[in-house]
Amino acid sequence: ELDFNVVATKVRHLTGRAAESARKIEKRIETNIARENKDDAFKNDEDNNLQEIAVGTERADHVIKEIVAVLQQLTMAMKDIHAAIEELNRVVPKWVGHPS
């Protein structure tokens, strides 16, 4: 059984990390576009930045996959809770002497 506060905290944390990664990637892309408009002296820097963007993109992909996994766990937990509520709705009336 999952603790919803823990799951929600992890989802918020992972979402924050994904957003931060996206901001970093966007900034690096903007930096690279600006550098492309300058002379070829920046060629090595651009190559390094593109490599950093590729690494950042891989990290963002990993974080997004973690978010998806957590959301899948949350969905399964919600289904379990729904099933438990349905069972309580079926059983509780019998406990109090009112057949459903």
PDB file of N, CA and C in Angstrom:
ATOM      1  N   GLU A   1       0.857  -1.174   0.000  1.00  0.00           N
ATOM      2  CA  GLU A   1       0.000   0.000   0.000  1.00  0.00           C
ATOM      3  C   GLU A   1       0.900   1.233   0.000  1.00  0.00           C
ATOM      4  N   LEU A   2       0.600   2.138  -0.871  1.00  0.00           N
ATOM      5  CA  LEU A   2       1.425   3.340  -1.000  1.00  0.00           C
ATOM      6  C   LEU A   2       0.918   4.445  -0.094  1.00  0.00           C
ATOM      7  N   ASP A   3       1.808   5.185   0.479  1.00  0.00           N
ATOM      8  CA  ASP A   3       1.454   6.353   1.263  1.00  0.00           C
ATOM      9  C   ASP A   3       1.305   7.509   0.279  1.00  0.00           C
ATOM     10  N   PHE A   4       0.084   8.044   0.171  1.00  0.00           N
ATOM     11  CA  PHE A   4      -0.198   9.069  -0.834  1.00  0.00           C
ATOM     12  C   PHE A   4       0.643  10.318  -0.636  1.00  0.00           C
ATOM     13  N   ASN A   5       0.954  10.685   0.598  1.00  0.00           N
ATOM     14  CA  ASN A   5       1.786  11.867   0.818  1.00  0.00           C
ATOM     15  C   ASN A   5       3.179  11.659   0.250  1.00  0.00           C
ATOM     16  N   VAL A   6       3.715  10.454   0.424  1.00  0.00           N
ATOM     17  CA  VAL A   6       5.041  10.155  -0.101  1.00  0.00           C
ATOM     18  C   VAL A   6       5.012  10.197  -1.625  1.00  0.00           C
ATOM     19  N   VAL A   7       3.991   9.579  -2.213  1.00  0.00           N
ATOM     20  CA  VAL A   7       3.872   9.559  -3.670  1.00  0.00           C
ATOM     21  C   VAL A   7       3.696  10.976  -4.204  1.00  0.00           C
ATOM     22  N   ALA A   8       2.811  11.748  -3.582  1.00  0.00           N
ATOM     23  CA  ALA A   8       2.566  13.120  -4.038  1.00  0.00           C
ATOM     24  C   ALA A   8       3.831  13.959  -3.917  1.00  0.00           C
ATOM     25  N   THR A   9       4.570  13.788  -2.833  1.00  0.00           N
ATOM     26  CA  THR A   9       5.817  14.529  -2.651  1.00  0.00           C
ATOM     27  C   THR A   9       6.820  14.152  -3.732  1.00  0.00           C
ATOM     28  N   LYS A  10       6.906  12.865  -4.026  1.00  0.00           N
ATOM     29  CA  LYS A  10       7.846  12.418  -5.056  1.00  0.00           C
ATOM     30  C   LYS A  10       7.443  12.959  -6.424  1.00  0.00           C
ATOM     31  N   VAL A  11       6.144  12.940  -6.729  1.00  0.00           N
ATOM     32  CA  VAL A  11       5.668  13.471  -8.006  1.00  0.00           C
ATOM     33  C   VAL A  11       6.014  14.957  -8.108  1.00  0.00           C
ATOM     34  N   ARG A  12       5.760  15.722  -7.027  1.00  0.00           N
ATOM     35  CA  ARG A  12       6.096  17.158  -7.048  1.00  0.00           C
ATOM     36  C   ARG A  12       7.598  17.349  -7.258  1.00  0.00           C
ATOM     37  N   HIS A  13       8.400  16.549  -6.557  1.00  0.00           N
ATOM     38  CA  HIS A  13       9.853  16.662  -6.676  1.00  0.00           C
ATOM     39  C   HIS A  13      10.303  16.343  -8.106  1.00  0.00           C
ATOM     40  N   LEU A  14       9.795  15.253  -8.660  1.00  0.00           N
ATOM     41  CA  LEU A  14      10.184  14.863 -10.014  1.00  0.00           C
ATOM     42  C   LEU A  14       9.701  15.874 -11.042  1.00  0.00           C
ATOM     43  N   THR A  15       8.509  16.415 -10.836  1.00  0.00           N
ATOM     44  CA  THR A  15       7.988  17.435 -11.741  1.00  0.00           C
ATOM     45  C   THR A  15       8.871  18.671 -11.696  1.00  0.00           C
ATOM     46  N   GLY A  16       9.289  19.056 -10.510  1.00  0.00           N
ATOM     47  CA  GLY A  16      10.189  20.199 -10.370  1.00  0.00           C
ATOM     48  C   GLY A  16      11.512  19.956 -11.076  1.00  0.00           C
ATOM     49  N   ARG A  17      12.040  18.745 -10.933  1.00  0.00           N
ATOM     50  CA  ARG A  17      13.303  18.404 -11.603  1.00  0.00           C
ATOM     51  C   ARG A  17      13.138  18.426 -13.116  1.00  0.00           C
ATOM     52  N   ALA A  18      12.002  17.909 -13.606  1.00  0.00           N
ATOM     53  CA  ALA A  18      11.755  17.910 -15.049  1.00  0.00           C
ATOM     54  C   ALA A  18      11.647  19.334 -15.570  1.00  0.00           C
ATOM     55  N   ALA A  19      10.949  20.185 -14.836  1.00  0.00           N
ATOM     56  CA  ALA A  19      10.801  21.589 -15.249  1.00  0.00           C
ATOM     57  C   ALA A  19      12.153  22.288 -15.246  1.00  0.00           C
ATOM     58  N   GLU A  20      12.956  22.043 -14.223  1.00  0.00           N
ATOM     59  CA  GLU A  20      14.284  22.657 -14.146  1.00  0.00           C
ATOM     60  C   GLU A  20      15.156  22.178 -15.302  1.00  0.00           C
ATOM     61  N   SER A  21      15.100  20.883 -15.613  1.00  0.00           N
ATOM     62  CA  SER A  21      15.865  20.351 -16.744  1.00  0.00           C
ATOM     63  C   SER A  21      15.416  20.997 -18.047  1.00  0.00           C
ATOM     64  N   ALA A  22      14.109  21.157 -18.216  1.00  0.00           N
ATOM     65  CA  ALA A  22      13.583  21.790 -19.428  1.00  0.00           C
ATOM     66  C   ALA A  22      14.064  23.235 -19.532  1.00  0.00           C
ATOM     67  N   ARG A  23      14.065  23.959 -18.407  1.00  0.00           N
ATOM     68  CA  ARG A  23      14.558  25.347 -18.420  1.00  0.00           C
ATOM     69  C   ARG A  23      16.039  25.390 -18.801  1.00  0.00           C
ATOM     70  N   LYS A  24      16.816  24.467 -18.247  1.00  0.00           N
ATOM     71  CA  LYS A  24      18.241  24.434 -18.567  1.00  0.00           C
ATOM     72  C   LYS A  24      18.456  24.125 -20.048  1.00  0.00           C
ATOM     73  N   ILE A  25      17.699  23.174 -20.562  1.00  0.00           N
ATOM     74  CA  ILE A  25      17.815  22.817 -21.976  1.00  0.00           C
ATOM     75  C   ILE A  25      17.432  24.005 -22.848  1.00  0.00           C
ATOM     76  N   GLU A  26      16.336  24.672 -22.518  1.00  0.00           N
ATOM     77  CA  GLU A  26      15.905  25.831 -23.294  1.00  0.00           C
ATOM     78  C   GLU A  26      16.984  26.908 -23.286  1.00  0.00           C
ATOM     79  N   LYS A  27      17.570  27.155 -22.127  1.00  0.00           N
ATOM     80  CA  LYS A  27      18.621  28.178 -22.025  1.00  0.00           C
ATOM     81  C   LYS A  27      19.828  27.786 -22.866  1.00  0.00           C
ATOM     82  N   ARG A  28      20.199  26.521 -22.823  1.00  0.00           N
ATOM     83  CA  ARG A  28      21.347  26.074 -23.618  1.00  0.00           C
ATOM     84  C   ARG A  28      21.061  26.200 -25.112  1.00  0.00           C
ATOM     85  N   ILE A  29      19.847  25.883 -25.525  1.00  0.00           N
ATOM     86  CA  ILE A  29      19.479  26.026 -26.935  1.00  0.00           C
ATOM     87  C   ILE A  29      19.566  27.491 -27.348  1.00  0.00           C
ATOM     88  N   GLU A  30      19.021  28.383 -26.517  1.00  0.00           N
ATOM     89  CA  GLU A  30      19.092  29.815 -26.817  1.00  0.00           C
ATOM     90  C   GLU A  30      20.545  30.279 -26.899  1.00  0.00           C
ATOM     91  N   THR A  31      21.370  29.783 -25.992  1.00  0.00           N
ATOM     92  CA  THR A  31      22.789  30.134 -26.007  1.00  0.00           C
ATOM     93  C   THR A  31      23.437  29.671 -27.306  1.00  0.00           C
ATOM     94  N   ASN A  32      23.112  28.455 -27.722  1.00  0.00           N
ATOM     95  CA  ASN A  32      23.696  27.925 -28.956  1.00  0.00           C
ATOM     96  C   ASN A  32      23.243  28.704 -30.183  1.00  0.00           C
ATOM     97  N   ILE A  33      21.988  29.103 -30.231  1.00  0.00           N
ATOM     98  CA  ILE A  33      21.492  29.888 -31.365  1.00  0.00           C
ATOM     99  C   ILE A  33      22.239  31.211 -31.448  1.00  0.00           C
ATOM    100  N   ALA A  34      22.427  31.850 -30.298  1.00  0.00           N
ATOM    101  CA  ALA A  34      23.158  33.121 -30.279  1.00  0.00           C
ATOM    102  C   ALA A  34      24.599  32.928 -30.739  1.00  0.00           C
ATOM    103  N   ARG A  35      25.212  31.842 -30.325  1.00  0.00           N
ATOM    104  CA  ARG A  35      26.606  31.590 -30.705  1.00  0.00           C
ATOM    105  C   ARG A  35      26.739  31.260 -32.187  1.00  0.00           C
ATOM    106  N   GLU A  36      25.727  30.623 -32.781  1.00  0.00           N
ATOM    107  CA  GLU A  36      25.789  30.301 -34.211  1.00  0.00           C
ATOM    108  C   GLU A  36      25.861  31.564 -35.057  1.00  0.00           C
ATOM    109  N   ASN A  37      25.315  32.653 -34.550  1.00  0.00           N
ATOM    110  CA  ASN A  37      25.333  33.915 -35.285  1.00  0.00           C
ATOM    111  C   ASN A  37      26.682  34.623 -35.179  1.00  0.00           C
ATOM    112  N   LYS A  38      27.567  34.139 -34.358  1.00  0.00           N
ATOM    113  CA  LYS A  38      28.913  34.731 -34.218  1.00  0.00           C
ATOM    114  C   LYS A  38      29.885  33.957 -35.100  1.00  0.00           C
ATOM    115  N   ASP A  39      31.156  34.336 -35.063  1.00  0.00           N
ATOM    116  CA  ASP A  39      32.112  33.687 -35.964  1.00  0.00           C
ATOM    117  C   ASP A  39      32.480  32.288 -35.502  1.00  0.00           C
ATOM    118  N   ASP A  40      33.233  31.600 -36.345  1.00  0.00           N
ATOM    119  CA  ASP A  40      33.560  30.187 -36.138  1.00  0.00           C
ATOM    120  C   ASP A  40      34.490  29.935 -34.952  1.00  0.00           C
ATOM    121  N   ALA A  41      34.970  30.968 -34.314  1.00  0.00           N
ATOM    122  CA  ALA A  41      35.849  30.796 -33.153  1.00  0.00           C
ATOM    123  C   ALA A  41      35.133  30.080 -32.016  1.00  0.00           C
ATOM    124  N   PHE A  42      33.799  30.141 -32.042  1.00  0.00           N
ATOM    125  CA  PHE A  42      33.015  29.501 -30.986  1.00  0.00           C
ATOM    126  C   PHE A  42      32.627  28.056 -31.328  1.00  0.00           C
ATOM    127  N   LYS A  43      33.153  27.530 -32.423  1.00  0.00           N
ATOM    128  CA  LYS A  43      32.754  26.198 -32.895  1.00  0.00           C
ATOM    129  C   LYS A  43      32.922  25.123 -31.817  1.00  0.00           C
ATOM    130  N   ASN A  44      34.053  25.090 -31.152  1.00  0.00           N
ATOM    131  CA  ASN A  44      34.282  24.068 -30.131  1.00  0.00           C
ATOM    132  C   ASN A  44      33.313  24.220 -28.963  1.00  0.00           C
ATOM    133  N   ASP A  45      33.042  25.466 -28.575  1.00  0.00           N
ATOM    134  CA  ASP A  45      32.082  25.695 -27.493  1.00  0.00           C
ATOM    135  C   ASP A  45      30.694  25.201 -27.878  1.00  0.00           C
ATOM    136  N   GLU A  46      30.310  25.454 -29.126  1.00  0.00           N
ATOM    137  CA  GLU A  46      28.995  25.009 -29.595  1.00  0.00           C
ATOM    138  C   GLU A  46      28.887  23.490 -29.544  1.00  0.00           C
ATOM    139  N   ASP A  47      29.947  22.826 -29.997  1.00  0.00           N
ATOM    140  CA  ASP A  47      29.931  21.362 -29.962  1.00  0.00           C
ATOM    141  C   ASP A  47      29.776  20.853 -28.531  1.00  0.00           C
ATOM    142  N   ASN A  48      30.508  21.483 -27.616  1.00  0.00           N
ATOM    143  CA  ASN A  48      30.398  21.085 -26.211  1.00  0.00           C
ATOM    144  C   ASN A  48      28.998  21.341 -25.674  1.00  0.00           C
ATOM    145  N   ASN A  49      28.424  22.494 -26.028  1.00  0.00           N
ATOM    146  CA  ASN A  49      27.074  22.807 -25.556  1.00  0.00           C
ATOM    147  C   ASN A  49      26.041  21.852 -26.137  1.00  0.00           C
ATOM    148  N   LEU A  50      26.196  21.501 -27.408  1.00  0.00           N
ATOM    149  CA  LEU A  50      25.264  20.538 -28.002  1.00  0.00           C
ATOM    150  C   LEU A  50      25.359  19.191 -27.294  1.00  0.00           C
ATOM    151  N   GLN A  51      26.571  18.825 -26.928  1.00  0.00           N
ATOM    152  CA  GLN A  51      26.739  17.575 -26.186  1.00  0.00           C
ATOM    153  C   GLN A  51      26.077  17.689 -24.810  1.00  0.00           C
ATOM    154  N   GLU A  52      26.223  18.844 -24.173  1.00  0.00           N
ATOM    155  CA  GLU A  52      25.555  19.068 -22.884  1.00  0.00           C
ATOM    156  C   GLU A  52      24.037  19.016 -23.049  1.00  0.00           C
ATOM    157  N   ILE A  53      23.529  19.561 -24.145  1.00  0.00           N
ATOM    158  CA  ILE A  53      22.085  19.515 -24.404  1.00  0.00           C
ATOM    159  C   ILE A  53      21.636  18.066 -24.555  1.00  0.00           C
ATOM    160  N   ALA A  54      22.418  17.276 -25.276  1.00  0.00           N
ATOM    161  CA  ALA A  54      22.067  15.863 -25.449  1.00  0.00           C
ATOM    162  C   ALA A  54      22.016  15.155 -24.097  1.00  0.00           C
ATOM    163  N   VAL A  55      22.997  15.428 -23.255  1.00  0.00           N
ATOM    164  CA  VAL A  55      23.016  14.822 -21.913  1.00  0.00           C
ATOM    165  C   VAL A  55      21.822  15.319 -21.104  1.00  0.00           C
ATOM    166  N   GLY A  56      21.550  16.627 -21.175  1.00  0.00           N
ATOM    167  CA  GLY A  56      20.400  17.188 -20.459  1.00  0.00           C
ATOM    168  C   GLY A  56      19.089  16.595 -20.934  1.00  0.00           C
ATOM    169  N   THR A  57      18.982  16.369 -22.235  1.00  0.00           N
ATOM    170  CA  THR A  57      17.772  15.769 -22.789  1.00  0.00           C
ATOM    171  C   THR A  57      17.602  14.342 -22.271  1.00  0.00           C
ATOM    172  N   GLU A  58      18.688  13.601 -22.214  1.00  0.00           N
ATOM    173  CA  GLU A  58      18.619  12.240 -21.676  1.00  0.00           C
ATOM    174  C   GLU A  58      18.184  12.260 -20.211  1.00  0.00           C
ATOM    175  N   ARG A  59      18.715  13.215 -19.447  1.00  0.00           N
ATOM    176  CA  ARG A  59      18.322  13.328 -18.035  1.00  0.00           C
ATOM    177  C   ARG A  59      16.841  13.675 -17.915  1.00  0.00           C
ATOM    178  N   ALA A  60      16.382  14.615 -18.738  1.00  0.00           N
ATOM    179  CA  ALA A  60      14.967  14.996 -18.706  1.00  0.00           C
ATOM    180  C   ALA A  60      14.093  13.798 -19.064  1.00  0.00           C
ATOM    181  N   ASP A  61      14.520  13.017 -20.044  1.00  0.00           N
ATOM    182  CA  ASP A  61      13.775  11.818 -20.432  1.00  0.00           C
ATOM    183  C   ASP A  61      13.696  10.844 -19.260  1.00  0.00           C
ATOM    184  N   HIS A  62      14.800  10.679 -18.553  1.00  0.00           N
ATOM    185  CA  HIS A  62      14.823   9.778 -17.395  1.00  0.00           C
ATOM    186  C   HIS A  62      13.866  10.273 -16.306  1.00  0.00           C
ATOM    187  N   VAL A  63      13.894  11.575 -16.042  1.00  0.00           N
ATOM    188  CA  VAL A  63      13.013  12.149 -15.015  1.00  0.00           C
ATOM    189  C   VAL A  63      11.554  11.960 -15.415  1.00  0.00           C
ATOM    190  N   ILE A  64      11.243  12.185 -16.680  1.00  0.00           N
ATOM    191  CA  ILE A  64       9.862  12.008 -17.151  1.00  0.00           C
ATOM    192  C   ILE A  64       9.437  10.552 -16.990  1.00  0.00           C
ATOM    193  N   LYS A  65      10.326   9.628 -17.287  1.00  0.00           N
ATOM    194  CA  LYS A  65      10.006   8.207 -17.107  1.00  0.00           C
ATOM    195  C   LYS A  65       9.760   7.895 -15.631  1.00  0.00           C
ATOM    196  N   GLU A  66      10.522   8.523 -14.733  1.00  0.00           N
ATOM    197  CA  GLU A  66      10.293   8.335 -13.297  1.00  0.00           C
ATOM    198  C   GLU A  66       8.916   8.868 -12.904  1.00  0.00           C
ATOM    199  N   ILE A  67       8.542  10.013 -13.455  1.00  0.00           N
ATOM    200  CA  ILE A  67       7.225  10.588 -13.159  1.00  0.00           C
ATOM    201  C   ILE A  67       6.132   9.643 -13.630  1.00  0.00           C
ATOM    202  N   VAL A  68       6.283   9.107 -14.829  1.00  0.00           N
ATOM    203  CA  VAL A  68       5.290   8.170 -15.363  1.00  0.00           C
ATOM    204  C   VAL A  68       5.175   6.951 -14.454  1.00  0.00           C
ATOM    205  N   ALA A  69       6.303   6.429 -13.994  1.00  0.00           N
ATOM    206  CA  ALA A  69       6.279   5.257 -13.111  1.00  0.00           C
ATOM    207  C   ALA A  69       5.558   5.573 -11.806  1.00  0.00           C
ATOM    208  N   VAL A  70       5.827   6.740 -11.237  1.00  0.00           N
ATOM    209  CA  VAL A  70       5.163   7.131  -9.990  1.00  0.00           C
ATOM    210  C   VAL A  70       3.666   7.302 -10.222  1.00  0.00           C
ATOM    211  N   LEU A  71       3.298   7.915 -11.340  1.00  0.00           N
ATOM    212  CA  LEU A  71       1.874   8.091 -11.639  1.00  0.00           C
ATOM    213  C   LEU A  71       1.182   6.742 -11.848  1.00  0.00           C
ATOM    214  N   GLN A  72       1.886   5.793 -12.454  1.00  0.00           N
ATOM    215  CA  GLN A  72       1.315   4.454 -12.611  1.00  0.00           C
ATOM    216  C   GLN A  72       1.103   3.800 -11.245  1.00  0.00           C
ATOM    217  N   GLN A  73       2.059   3.975 -10.343  1.00  0.00           N
ATOM    218  CA  GLN A  73       1.905   3.437  -8.990  1.00  0.00           C
ATOM    219  C   GLN A  73       0.730   4.104  -8.288  1.00  0.00           C
ATOM    220  N   LEU A  74       0.609   5.397  -8.466  1.00  0.00           N
ATOM    221  CA  LEU A  74      -0.496   6.135  -7.858  1.00  0.00           C
ATOM    222  C   LEU A  74      -1.832   5.645  -8.404  1.00  0.00           C
ATOM    223  N   THR A  75      -1.898   5.407  -9.700  1.00  0.00           N
ATOM    224  CA  THR A  75      -3.124   4.897 -10.314  1.00  0.00           C
ATOM    225  C   THR A  75      -3.482   3.530  -9.740  1.00  0.00           C
ATOM    226  N   MET A  76      -2.489   2.669  -9.591  1.00  0.00           N
ATOM    227  CA  MET A  76      -2.750   1.343  -9.020  1.00  0.00           C
ATOM    228  C   MET A  76      -3.238   1.471  -7.580  1.00  0.00           C
ATOM    229  N   ALA A  77      -2.629   2.372  -6.821  1.00  0.00           N
ATOM    230  CA  ALA A  77      -3.047   2.572  -5.433  1.00  0.00           C
ATOM    231  C   ALA A  77      -4.474   3.098  -5.378  1.00  0.00           C
ATOM    232  N   MET A  78      -4.807   4.001  -6.281  1.00  0.00           N
ATOM    233  CA  MET A  78      -6.169   4.540  -6.302  1.00  0.00           C
ATOM    234  C   MET A  78      -7.177   3.442  -6.650  1.00  0.00           C
ATOM    235  N   LYS A  79      -6.807   2.546  -7.559  1.00  0.00           N
ATOM    236  CA  LYS A  79      -7.688   1.423  -7.890  1.00  0.00           C
ATOM    237  C   LYS A  79      -7.882   0.522  -6.672  1.00  0.00           C
ATOM    238  N   ASP A  80      -6.794   0.286  -5.920  1.00  0.00           N
ATOM    239  CA  ASP A  80      -6.892  -0.525  -4.704  1.00  0.00           C
ATOM    240  C   ASP A  80      -7.807   0.139  -3.677  1.00  0.00           C
ATOM    241  N   ILE A  81      -7.668   1.451  -3.536  1.00  0.00           N
ATOM    242  CA  ILE A  81      -8.523   2.181  -2.591  1.00  0.00           C
ATOM    243  C   ILE A  81      -9.975   2.105  -3.033  1.00  0.00           C
ATOM    244  N   HIS A  82     -10.209   2.269  -4.324  1.00  0.00           N
ATOM    245  CA  HIS A  82     -11.579   2.184  -4.843  1.00  0.00           C
ATOM    246  C   HIS A  82     -12.167   0.798  -4.553  1.00  0.00           C
ATOM    247  N   ALA A  83     -11.381  -0.241  -4.783  1.00  0.00           N
ATOM    248  CA  ALA A  83     -11.856  -1.598  -4.509  1.00  0.00           C
ATOM    249  C   ALA A  83     -12.149  -1.778  -3.020  1.00  0.00           C
ATOM    250  N   ALA A  84     -11.298  -1.216  -2.163  1.00  0.00           N
ATOM    251  CA  ALA A  84     -11.520  -1.317  -0.717  1.00  0.00           C
ATOM    252  C   ALA A  84     -12.790  -0.579  -0.312  1.00  0.00           C
ATOM    253  N   ILE A  85     -13.028   0.577  -0.900  1.00  0.00           N
ATOM    254  CA  ILE A  85     -14.253   1.332  -0.598  1.00  0.00           C
ATOM    255  C   ILE A  85     -15.476   0.552  -1.052  1.00  0.00           C
ATOM    256  N   GLU A  86     -15.403  -0.045  -2.230  1.00  0.00           N
ATOM    257  CA  GLU A  86     -16.511  -0.868  -2.717  1.00  0.00           C
ATOM    258  C   GLU A  86     -16.778  -2.032  -1.757  1.00  0.00           C
ATOM    259  N   GLU A  87     -15.708  -2.647  -1.272  1.00  0.00           N
ATOM    260  CA  GLU A  87     -15.861  -3.757  -0.326  1.00  0.00           C
ATOM    261  C   GLU A  87     -16.492  -3.266   0.973  1.00  0.00           C
ATOM    262  N   LEU A  88     -16.052  -2.110   1.460  1.00  0.00           N
ATOM    263  CA  LEU A  88     -16.652  -1.540   2.674  1.00  0.00           C
ATOM    264  C   LEU A  88     -18.125  -1.229   2.455  1.00  0.00           C
ATOM    265  N   ASN A  89     -18.462  -0.693   1.301  1.00  0.00           N
ATOM    266  CA  ASN A  89     -19.865  -0.405   0.997  1.00  0.00           C
ATOM    267  C   ASN A  89     -20.705  -1.678   0.988  1.00  0.00           C
ATOM    268  N   ARG A  90     -20.087  -2.782   0.627  1.00  0.00           N
ATOM    269  CA  ARG A  90     -20.798  -4.050   0.593  1.00  0.00           C
ATOM    270  C   ARG A  90     -20.897  -4.673   1.987  1.00  0.00           C
ATOM    271  N   VAL A  91     -19.840  -4.548   2.793  1.00  0.00           N
ATOM    272  CA  VAL A  91     -19.755  -5.240   4.074  1.00  0.00           C
ATOM    273  C   VAL A  91     -20.367  -4.445   5.222  1.00  0.00           C
ATOM    274  N   VAL A  92     -20.155  -3.145   5.268  1.00  0.00           N
ATOM    275  CA  VAL A  92     -20.595  -2.332   6.404  1.00  0.00           C
ATOM    276  C   VAL A  92     -22.092  -2.456   6.662  1.00  0.00           C
ATOM    277  N   PRO A  93     -22.953  -2.410   5.645  1.00  0.00           N
ATOM    278  CA  PRO A  93     -24.384  -2.561   5.945  1.00  0.00           C
ATOM    279  C   PRO A  93     -24.702  -3.886   6.647  1.00  0.00           C
ATOM    280  N   LYS A  94     -23.978  -4.935   6.328  1.00  0.00           N
ATOM    281  CA  LYS A  94     -24.203  -6.226   6.978  1.00  0.00           C
ATOM    282  C   LYS A  94     -23.799  -6.168   8.447  1.00  0.00           C
ATOM    283  N   TRP A  95     -22.748  -5.391   8.761  1.00  0.00           N
ATOM    284  CA  TRP A  95     -22.295  -5.266  10.142  1.00  0.00           C
ATOM    285  C   TRP A  95     -23.335  -4.549  10.997  1.00  0.00           C
ATOM    286  N   VAL A  96     -23.997  -3.602  10.421  1.00  0.00           N
ATOM    287  CA  VAL A  96     -24.983  -2.835  11.190  1.00  0.00           C
ATOM    288  C   VAL A  96     -26.384  -3.418  11.045  1.00  0.00           C
ATOM    289  N   GLY A  97     -26.484  -4.570  10.407  1.00  0.00           N
ATOM    290  CA  GLY A  97     -27.758  -5.267  10.339  1.00  0.00           C
ATOM    291  C   GLY A  97     -28.673  -4.839   9.213  1.00  0.00           C
ATOM    292  N   HIS A  98     -28.135  -4.167   8.220  1.00  0.00           N
ATOM    293  CA  HIS A  98     -28.935  -3.742   7.075  1.00  0.00           C
ATOM    294  C   HIS A  98     -28.361  -4.377   5.819  1.00  0.00           C
ATOM    295  N   PRO A  99     -28.974  -5.445   5.332  1.00  0.00           N
ATOM    296  CA  PRO A  99     -28.427  -6.075   4.122  1.00  0.00           C
ATOM    297  C   PRO A  99     -28.535  -5.122   2.930  1.00  0.00           C
ATOM    298  N   SER A 100     -27.531  -5.171   2.094  1.00  0.00           N
ATOM    299  CA  SER A 100     -27.549  -4.290   0.920  1.00  0.00           C
ATOM    300  C   SER A 100     -28.183  -4.965  -0.267  1.00  0.00           C
TER     301      SER A 100
END
